């Protein structure tokens, strides 16, 4: 690598704004996927009313709040000596965000007619949503921790 390549500031996904965008996308993905499936199956677009707006904006706002919680947990769990390990910090953040977001996002995602016609009830939907959120946010935090460790080793 020459000096020209090292002088260029490259964007990376460790920016907190990317975490907020990621959280909004992850939280609203189940609702968006259900609406896409329902739109493909329906001949009339009766579900694009106020109810779908409440579901979409509710999941977007819940994703934003969960991203803020995730960022806050990541910042408070950081120690000056960087002890504790990336896996444990990512697991703690994933479990806490999964527990906090399971009911609101699960309730929003599995209150559609598609979920009820597939036979997925709210209790199972809340459980699946909690696991989904824990994996998605914990995985992102693990990637974040690993990238941060590599960046600090290079510096």
Protein backbone atom coordinates (compact mmCIF):
# COMPACT_ATOMS: atom_id res chain seq x y z
CA UNK A 1 0.00 0.00 0.00
CA UNK A 2 1.41 3.36 -0.92
CA UNK A 3 0.89 6.69 0.81
CA UNK A 4 -1.84 7.77 -1.60
CA UNK A 5 -4.04 4.78 -0.62
CA UNK A 6 -3.48 5.27 3.10
CA UNK A 7 -4.34 8.98 2.94
CA UNK A 8 -7.85 8.29 1.60
CA UNK A 9 -10.45 8.20 4.35
CA UNK A 10 -12.57 5.11 3.73
CA UNK A 11 -16.06 4.87 5.17
CA UNK A 12 -16.77 1.85 7.33
CA UNK A 13 -19.84 0.46 9.02
CA UNK A 14 -18.67 1.36 12.53
CA UNK A 15 -20.41 4.72 12.33
CA UNK A 16 -23.31 5.01 14.83
CA UNK A 17 -25.50 6.41 12.05
CA UNK A 18 -25.09 3.12 10.20
CA UNK A 19 -26.20 1.27 13.32
CA UNK A 20 -29.34 3.40 13.49
CA UNK A 21 -30.08 2.73 9.81
CA UNK A 22 -29.37 -0.97 10.31
CA UNK A 23 -31.72 -1.13 13.30
CA UNK A 24 -34.53 0.53 11.38
CA UNK A 25 -34.06 -1.86 8.45
CA UNK A 26 -33.83 -4.96 10.66
CA UNK A 27 -36.90 -4.04 12.74
CA UNK A 28 -39.09 -3.18 9.78
CA UNK A 29 -37.97 -6.09 7.57
CA UNK A 30 -40.56 -8.63 8.83
CA UNK A 31 -43.44 -6.20 8.32
CA UNK A 32 -42.18 -5.12 4.89
CA UNK A 33 -41.74 -8.75 3.80
CA UNK A 34 -45.30 -9.56 4.87
CA UNK A 35 -46.70 -6.57 3.00
CA UNK A 36 -44.81 -7.52 -0.16
CA UNK A 37 -46.21 -11.06 0.03
CA UNK A 38 -49.71 -9.75 0.72
CA UNK A 39 -49.47 -7.30 -2.19
CA UNK A 40 -48.38 -10.07 -4.54
CA UNK A 41 -51.26 -12.30 -3.47
CA UNK A 42 -54.02 -9.70 -3.37
CA UNK A 43 -55.90 -8.37 -6.34
CA UNK A 44 -57.05 -5.21 -4.55
CA UNK A 45 -54.82 -3.12 -2.33
CA UNK A 46 -57.10 -2.78 0.67
CA UNK A 47 -54.31 -3.07 3.22
CA UNK A 48 -52.44 0.12 2.24
CA UNK A 49 -54.50 2.21 4.66
CA UNK A 50 -53.91 3.68 8.08
CA UNK A 51 -53.35 0.27 9.68
CA UNK A 52 -50.37 -0.51 7.49
CA UNK A 53 -48.97 2.94 8.19
CA UNK A 54 -49.22 2.34 11.92
CA UNK A 55 -47.48 -1.02 11.54
CA UNK A 56 -44.71 0.41 9.38
CA UNK A 57 -44.04 3.52 11.44
CA UNK A 58 -44.34 1.53 14.64
CA UNK A 59 -41.69 -0.94 13.50
CA UNK A 60 -39.45 1.87 12.23
CA UNK A 61 -39.66 3.76 15.52
CA UNK A 62 -39.10 0.56 17.52
CA UNK A 63 -36.04 -0.18 15.38
CA UNK A 64 -34.69 3.31 16.02
CA UNK A 65 -35.18 2.92 19.78
CA UNK A 66 -33.59 -0.56 19.76
CA UNK A 67 -30.60 0.82 17.85
CA UNK A 68 -30.18 3.55 20.45
CA UNK A 69 -30.40 0.92 23.21
CA UNK A 70 -27.86 -1.20 21.36
CA UNK A 71 -25.49 1.72 20.96
CA UNK A 72 -25.92 2.73 24.59
CA UNK A 73 -25.25 -0.81 25.80
CA UNK A 74 -22.19 -1.07 23.62
CA UNK A 75 -20.82 2.19 24.95
CA UNK A 76 -21.47 1.33 28.60
CA UNK A 77 -20.06 -2.18 28.34
CA UNK A 78 -16.75 -0.86 26.98
CA UNK A 79 -14.01 -0.95 29.54
CA UNK A 80 -10.84 1.12 29.35
CA UNK A 81 -8.76 -2.06 29.10
CA UNK A 82 -11.07 -3.56 26.42
CA UNK A 83 -11.55 -6.59 28.64
CA UNK A 84 -14.49 -8.94 28.45
CA UNK A 85 -14.11 -10.11 24.89
CA UNK A 86 -16.00 -9.29 21.75
CA UNK A 87 -18.17 -12.38 21.94
CA UNK A 88 -19.43 -11.70 25.44
CA UNK A 89 -20.20 -8.05 24.72
CA UNK A 90 -22.00 -8.96 21.50
CA UNK A 91 -23.97 -11.69 23.29
CA UNK A 92 -24.99 -9.33 26.10
CA UNK A 93 -26.11 -6.65 23.66
CA UNK A 94 -27.94 -9.19 21.47
CA UNK A 95 -29.82 -10.78 24.37
CA UNK A 96 -30.86 -7.47 25.92
CA UNK A 97 -32.01 -5.98 22.61
CA UNK A 98 -33.78 -9.25 21.74
CA UNK A 99 -35.64 -9.25 25.05
CA UNK A 100 -36.59 -5.57 24.83
CA UNK A 101 -37.73 -5.69 21.22
CA UNK A 102 -39.39 -9.10 21.12
CA UNK A 103 -42.84 -8.04 22.21
CA UNK A 104 -43.29 -4.70 20.40
CA UNK A 105 -41.85 -5.83 17.08
CA UNK A 106 -43.35 -9.33 17.38
CA UNK A 107 -46.76 -7.87 18.13
CA UNK A 108 -46.51 -5.53 15.13
CA UNK A 109 -45.11 -8.12 12.74
CA UNK A 110 -47.52 -10.90 13.62
CA UNK A 111 -50.71 -8.89 13.76
CA UNK A 112 -51.22 -9.06 9.99
CA UNK A 113 -53.62 -11.35 8.21
CA UNK A 114 -50.76 -13.18 6.54
CA UNK A 115 -49.32 -14.29 9.88
CA UNK A 116 -52.69 -15.53 11.09
CA UNK A 117 -53.37 -17.35 7.83
CA UNK A 118 -49.98 -19.08 8.10
CA UNK A 119 -50.90 -20.29 11.58
CA UNK A 120 -48.22 -18.34 13.44
CA UNK A 121 -49.75 -17.02 16.62
CA UNK A 122 -48.54 -14.07 18.63
CA UNK A 123 -46.73 -16.09 21.34
CA UNK A 124 -44.66 -17.96 18.76
CA UNK A 125 -44.21 -14.76 16.76
CA UNK A 126 -42.89 -12.89 19.78
CA UNK A 127 -40.44 -15.71 20.51
CA UNK A 128 -39.23 -15.85 16.89
CA UNK A 129 -38.89 -12.08 16.78
CA UNK A 130 -36.80 -12.05 19.95
CA UNK A 131 -34.43 -14.66 18.53
CA UNK A 132 -34.28 -12.79 15.21
CA UNK A 133 -33.44 -9.47 16.89
CA UNK A 134 -30.86 -11.06 19.19
CA UNK A 135 -29.09 -12.69 16.25
CA UNK A 136 -29.21 -9.62 14.03
CA UNK A 137 -28.10 -7.04 16.62
CA UNK A 138 -25.65 -9.42 18.32
CA UNK A 139 -24.12 -10.28 14.96
CA UNK A 140 -23.76 -6.64 14.04
CA UNK A 141 -22.13 -5.89 17.38
CA UNK A 142 -19.76 -8.82 16.94
CA UNK A 143 -18.71 -7.51 13.54
CA UNK A 144 -18.38 -4.06 15.04
CA UNK A 145 -16.19 -5.36 17.88
CA UNK A 146 -13.96 -7.36 15.54
CA UNK A 147 -13.49 -4.41 13.17
CA UNK A 148 -12.77 -2.10 16.09
CA UNK A 149 -10.14 -4.49 17.43
CA UNK A 150 -8.45 -4.74 14.02
CA UNK A 151 -8.51 -0.97 13.64
CA UNK A 152 -6.92 -0.46 17.05
CA UNK A 153 -4.24 -3.04 16.31
CA UNK A 154 -3.26 -1.21 13.12
CA UNK A 155 -3.05 2.15 14.88
